[in-house]
N, C-alpha and C. Protein backbone atom coordinates (compact mmCIF):
# COMPACT_ATOMS: atom_id res chain seq x y z
N MET A 1 -5.31 -10.19 1.10
CA MET A 1 -4.81 -10.32 -0.34
C MET A 1 -5.08 -11.48 -0.88
N SER A 2 -5.66 -11.36 -2.02
CA SER A 2 -5.98 -12.68 -2.97
C SER A 2 -4.74 -13.45 -3.25
N LYS A 3 -4.92 -14.74 -3.58
CA LYS A 3 -4.01 -15.53 -3.98
C LYS A 3 -3.13 -15.04 -5.34
N TYR A 4 -3.86 -14.37 -6.20
CA TYR A 4 -3.42 -13.82 -7.36
C TYR A 4 -2.30 -12.87 -7.01
N PHE A 5 -2.86 -11.96 -6.11
CA PHE A 5 -1.82 -10.87 -5.68
C PHE A 5 -0.74 -11.43 -4.92
N MET A 6 -0.89 -12.27 -4.08
CA MET A 6 0.11 -12.88 -3.23
C MET A 6 1.25 -13.55 -4.10
N ASP A 7 0.71 -14.23 -5.18
CA ASP A 7 1.58 -14.90 -6.07
C ASP A 7 2.57 -13.80 -6.69
N PHE A 8 2.10 -12.65 -7.07
CA PHE A 8 2.82 -11.54 -7.70
C PHE A 8 3.67 -10.93 -6.42
N TYR A 9 3.23 -10.65 -5.35
CA TYR A 9 3.83 -9.84 -4.50
C TYR A 9 4.90 -10.69 -3.63
N SER A 10 4.97 -12.11 -3.64
CA SER A 10 5.72 -12.80 -2.91
C SER A 10 7.16 -12.53 -3.22
N ASP A 11 7.47 -12.22 -4.46
CA ASP A 11 8.88 -11.86 -5.02
C ASP A 11 9.36 -10.61 -4.43
N TYR A 12 8.54 -9.82 -3.79
CA TYR A 12 9.03 -8.37 -3.29
C TYR A 12 8.72 -8.36 -1.61
N LYS A 13 8.22 -9.40 -1.20
CA LYS A 13 7.68 -9.26 0.19
C LYS A 13 8.86 -8.94 1.25
N ASP A 14 10.03 -9.65 1.01
CA ASP A 14 11.13 -9.37 1.83
C ASP A 14 11.69 -7.88 1.86
N ARG A 15 11.71 -7.45 0.57
CA ARG A 15 12.24 -6.21 0.42
C ARG A 15 11.26 -4.97 1.01
N VAL A 16 10.02 -5.27 0.89
CA VAL A 16 9.05 -4.30 1.34
C VAL A 16 9.08 -4.26 2.78
N LYS A 17 9.31 -5.47 3.51
CA LYS A 17 9.37 -5.60 4.90
C LYS A 17 10.71 -4.90 5.51
N GLU A 18 11.75 -5.08 4.82
CA GLU A 18 12.87 -4.34 5.03
C GLU A 18 12.87 -2.92 5.04
N TYR A 19 12.17 -2.49 3.96
CA TYR A 19 12.01 -1.05 3.79
C TYR A 19 11.11 -0.51 4.93
N CYS A 20 10.08 -1.22 5.34
CA CYS A 20 9.19 -0.72 6.52
C CYS A 20 10.16 -0.68 7.76
N ASP A 21 10.84 -1.73 8.01
CA ASP A 21 11.88 -1.85 9.32
C ASP A 21 12.65 -0.61 9.39
N LYS A 22 13.25 -0.28 8.30
CA LYS A 22 14.28 0.75 8.27
C LYS A 22 13.65 2.08 8.31
N ASN A 23 12.40 2.29 7.96
CA ASN A 23 11.75 3.53 7.93
C ASN A 23 10.63 3.79 9.08
N GLY A 24 10.73 2.88 10.01
CA GLY A 24 9.73 3.03 11.11
C GLY A 24 8.24 2.82 10.63
N LEU A 25 8.05 1.91 9.74
CA LEU A 25 6.67 1.59 9.39
C LEU A 25 6.27 0.30 9.77
N ASP A 26 5.05 -0.02 10.11
CA ASP A 26 4.58 -1.30 10.62
C ASP A 26 4.19 -2.14 9.52
N TYR A 27 4.86 -3.23 9.12
CA TYR A 27 4.65 -4.00 8.04
C TYR A 27 3.35 -4.74 8.13
N ASP A 28 2.87 -5.13 9.54
CA ASP A 28 1.53 -5.84 9.62
C ASP A 28 0.34 -4.89 9.33
N LYS A 29 0.65 -3.62 9.74
CA LYS A 29 -0.48 -2.61 9.27
C LYS A 29 -0.47 -2.47 7.81
N LEU A 30 0.58 -2.44 7.19
CA LEU A 30 0.68 -2.45 5.72
C LEU A 30 -0.04 -3.51 5.08
N MET A 31 0.18 -4.78 5.70
CA MET A 31 -0.46 -5.94 4.95
C MET A 31 -1.92 -5.88 5.28
N GLY A 32 -2.50 -4.99 6.16
CA GLY A 32 -3.93 -4.83 6.34
C GLY A 32 -4.54 -3.90 5.35
N CYS A 33 -3.69 -3.16 4.47
CA CYS A 33 -4.17 -2.31 3.57
C CYS A 33 -4.49 -3.02 2.32
N TYR A 34 -5.28 -2.32 1.49
CA TYR A 34 -5.59 -3.02 0.12
C TYR A 34 -4.48 -2.83 -0.87
N PHE A 35 -4.35 -3.96 -1.64
CA PHE A 35 -3.13 -4.06 -2.55
C PHE A 35 -3.57 -3.90 -3.88
N GLY A 36 -2.87 -3.10 -4.77
CA GLY A 36 -3.08 -2.90 -6.22
C GLY A 36 -1.77 -3.18 -6.92
N ARG A 37 -1.89 -3.58 -8.14
CA ARG A 37 -0.73 -3.67 -9.03
C ARG A 37 -1.05 -3.13 -10.42
N GLY A 38 0.13 -2.86 -11.07
CA GLY A 38 0.22 -2.37 -12.44
C GLY A 38 1.27 -3.36 -13.14
N LEU A 39 1.73 -3.00 -14.16
CA LEU A 39 2.66 -3.84 -14.97
C LEU A 39 4.04 -3.58 -14.32
N ASP A 40 4.25 -2.44 -13.80
CA ASP A 40 5.69 -2.23 -13.34
C ASP A 40 5.58 -1.38 -11.94
N ASN A 41 4.49 -1.80 -11.20
CA ASN A 41 4.39 -1.17 -9.90
C ASN A 41 3.36 -1.85 -9.16
N PHE A 42 3.30 -1.44 -7.80
CA PHE A 42 2.24 -2.01 -6.94
C PHE A 42 2.13 -0.77 -5.78
N SER A 43 0.95 -1.10 -5.04
CA SER A 43 0.56 -0.02 -4.13
C SER A 43 -0.21 -0.57 -3.11
N PHE A 44 -0.35 0.26 -1.99
CA PHE A 44 -1.12 -0.17 -0.88
C PHE A 44 -1.95 1.16 -0.61
N ALA A 45 -3.26 0.90 -0.16
CA ALA A 45 -4.19 1.92 0.02
C ALA A 45 -5.19 1.68 1.27
N HIS A 46 -5.68 2.65 1.83
CA HIS A 46 -6.41 2.59 3.07
C HIS A 46 -7.71 3.43 2.66
N PRO A 47 -8.96 2.88 3.17
CA PRO A 47 -10.12 3.67 2.93
C PRO A 47 -10.22 4.87 3.97
N TYR A 48 -10.92 5.71 3.65
CA TYR A 48 -11.05 6.86 4.64
C TYR A 48 -11.53 6.28 6.01
N PRO A 49 -11.02 6.78 7.09
CA PRO A 49 -11.42 6.34 8.43
C PRO A 49 -13.00 6.45 8.44
N ASN A 50 -13.48 5.38 8.96
CA ASN A 50 -15.03 5.29 9.20
C ASN A 50 -15.68 5.34 7.91
N GLY A 51 -15.10 5.33 6.81
CA GLY A 51 -15.66 5.20 5.38
C GLY A 51 -16.18 6.47 5.03
N LEU A 52 -15.89 7.61 5.63
CA LEU A 52 -16.59 8.89 5.38
C LEU A 52 -15.72 9.95 5.07
N HIS A 53 -16.08 10.70 4.04
CA HIS A 53 -15.15 11.85 3.49
C HIS A 53 -16.07 12.74 2.92
N ASN A 54 -16.38 14.08 3.32
CA ASN A 54 -17.18 14.98 2.81
C ASN A 54 -18.57 14.36 2.41
N GLY A 55 -19.14 13.69 3.25
CA GLY A 55 -20.53 13.13 2.92
C GLY A 55 -20.58 11.75 2.06
N SER A 56 -19.42 11.21 1.70
CA SER A 56 -19.28 10.14 0.91
C SER A 56 -19.87 8.79 1.61
N ARG A 57 -20.18 7.87 1.07
CA ARG A 57 -20.49 6.49 1.62
C ARG A 57 -19.33 5.62 1.56
N GLY A 58 -18.07 6.03 1.50
CA GLY A 58 -16.96 5.12 1.56
C GLY A 58 -17.04 4.27 0.44
N LEU A 59 -16.83 2.93 0.50
CA LEU A 59 -16.77 2.10 -0.61
C LEU A 59 -18.02 1.74 -1.45
N LEU A 60 -19.09 2.44 -1.03
CA LEU A 60 -20.28 2.25 -1.64
C LEU A 60 -20.46 3.22 -2.75
N ASP A 61 -19.56 4.20 -2.84
CA ASP A 61 -19.64 5.07 -3.95
C ASP A 61 -18.25 5.23 -4.54
N ASP A 62 -17.96 6.31 -5.25
CA ASP A 62 -16.74 6.37 -5.97
C ASP A 62 -15.66 7.08 -5.16
N THR A 63 -15.78 7.27 -3.91
CA THR A 63 -14.64 7.74 -3.13
C THR A 63 -13.35 7.03 -3.07
N PRO A 64 -12.41 7.52 -3.64
CA PRO A 64 -11.15 6.89 -3.92
C PRO A 64 -10.44 6.70 -2.46
N MET A 65 -9.71 5.48 -2.50
CA MET A 65 -8.90 5.23 -1.24
C MET A 65 -7.68 6.15 -1.21
N LEU A 66 -7.41 6.11 0.06
CA LEU A 66 -5.97 7.10 0.30
C LEU A 66 -4.73 6.18 0.00
N GLY A 67 -3.99 6.64 -0.83
CA GLY A 67 -2.66 5.98 -1.21
C GLY A 67 -1.80 6.05 -0.03
N VAL A 68 -1.23 4.84 0.48
CA VAL A 68 -0.52 4.79 1.55
C VAL A 68 1.11 4.55 1.28
N LEU A 69 1.19 3.73 0.28
CA LEU A 69 2.67 3.40 -0.26
C LEU A 69 2.70 3.14 -1.57
N PHE A 70 3.47 3.57 -2.36
CA PHE A 70 3.63 3.26 -3.89
C PHE A 70 4.98 2.81 -4.06
N VAL A 71 5.09 1.58 -4.81
CA VAL A 71 6.36 1.05 -5.04
C VAL A 71 6.48 0.75 -6.68
N ASP A 72 7.53 1.31 -7.15
CA ASP A 72 7.75 1.16 -8.59
C ASP A 72 8.92 0.09 -8.78
N ILE A 73 8.60 -0.92 -9.66
CA ILE A 73 9.71 -1.72 -10.00
C ILE A 73 10.55 -1.41 -11.13
N ASN A 74 11.89 -1.14 -10.96
CA ASN A 74 12.69 -0.51 -11.90
C ASN A 74 13.07 -1.84 -12.95
N LYS A 75 13.62 -1.45 -14.12
CA LYS A 75 13.92 -2.47 -14.96
C LYS A 75 14.92 -3.61 -14.49
N ASP A 76 15.89 -3.05 -13.57
CA ASP A 76 16.85 -3.87 -13.05
C ASP A 76 16.31 -4.82 -11.81
N GLY A 77 15.03 -4.60 -11.53
CA GLY A 77 14.48 -5.51 -10.46
C GLY A 77 14.51 -4.81 -9.21
N SER A 78 15.05 -3.58 -9.02
CA SER A 78 15.19 -2.84 -7.74
C SER A 78 13.73 -2.14 -7.55
N LEU A 79 13.59 -1.90 -6.30
CA LEU A 79 12.27 -1.19 -6.08
C LEU A 79 12.55 0.40 -5.63
N ASN A 80 11.61 1.24 -5.94
CA ASN A 80 11.69 2.69 -5.67
C ASN A 80 10.36 2.76 -4.84
N PHE A 81 10.34 3.27 -3.58
CA PHE A 81 9.38 3.39 -2.68
C PHE A 81 9.05 4.84 -2.49
N ARG A 82 7.64 5.06 -2.54
CA ARG A 82 7.23 6.48 -2.48
C ARG A 82 6.08 6.52 -1.37
N GLN A 83 6.39 7.33 -0.29
CA GLN A 83 5.49 7.39 0.66
C GLN A 83 4.58 8.73 0.40
N THR A 84 3.51 8.81 1.03
CA THR A 84 2.56 9.78 0.74
C THR A 84 2.14 10.47 2.07
N GLU A 85 1.33 11.55 2.11
CA GLU A 85 0.98 12.26 3.30
C GLU A 85 0.16 11.28 4.11
N HIS A 86 -0.26 10.27 3.63
CA HIS A 86 -1.03 9.28 4.57
C HIS A 86 -0.21 8.02 5.10
N THR A 87 0.99 8.08 4.63
CA THR A 87 1.76 6.86 5.09
C THR A 87 1.99 6.69 6.68
N ARG A 88 2.37 7.79 7.26
CA ARG A 88 2.61 7.87 8.74
C ARG A 88 1.22 7.58 9.38
N THR A 89 0.22 8.24 9.05
CA THR A 89 -1.17 8.26 9.54
C THR A 89 -1.58 6.75 9.76
N PHE A 90 -1.39 5.78 8.78
CA PHE A 90 -1.93 4.60 8.68
C PHE A 90 -1.02 3.28 8.90
N ILE A 91 0.35 3.60 8.80
CA ILE A 91 1.25 2.57 8.94
C ILE A 91 2.40 2.75 9.84
N SER A 92 2.43 3.83 10.57
CA SER A 92 3.51 4.12 11.34
C SER A 92 3.71 3.08 12.55
N ALA A 93 4.95 2.70 12.80
CA ALA A 93 5.19 1.68 13.82
C ALA A 93 4.86 2.26 15.13
């Protein structure tokens, strides 16, 4: 994670770790995922295993990454976590 993203993410780090611990997810594996953010959300994604999907070249073309965990930041500062069908595959404990 770049310093720019870490500065943003540091406010939420403990709550994300707590969520992972409570839900049987490996926080260290999550930290190995790619991080993205919006104005009121952030997410973690993982490339396709071996970079291949239906003949794609992985990150060398427009193959999207697999969403692993999405986090919405509510107006009151609370977090809403959304798992996907890829969550357990890539970050289960």
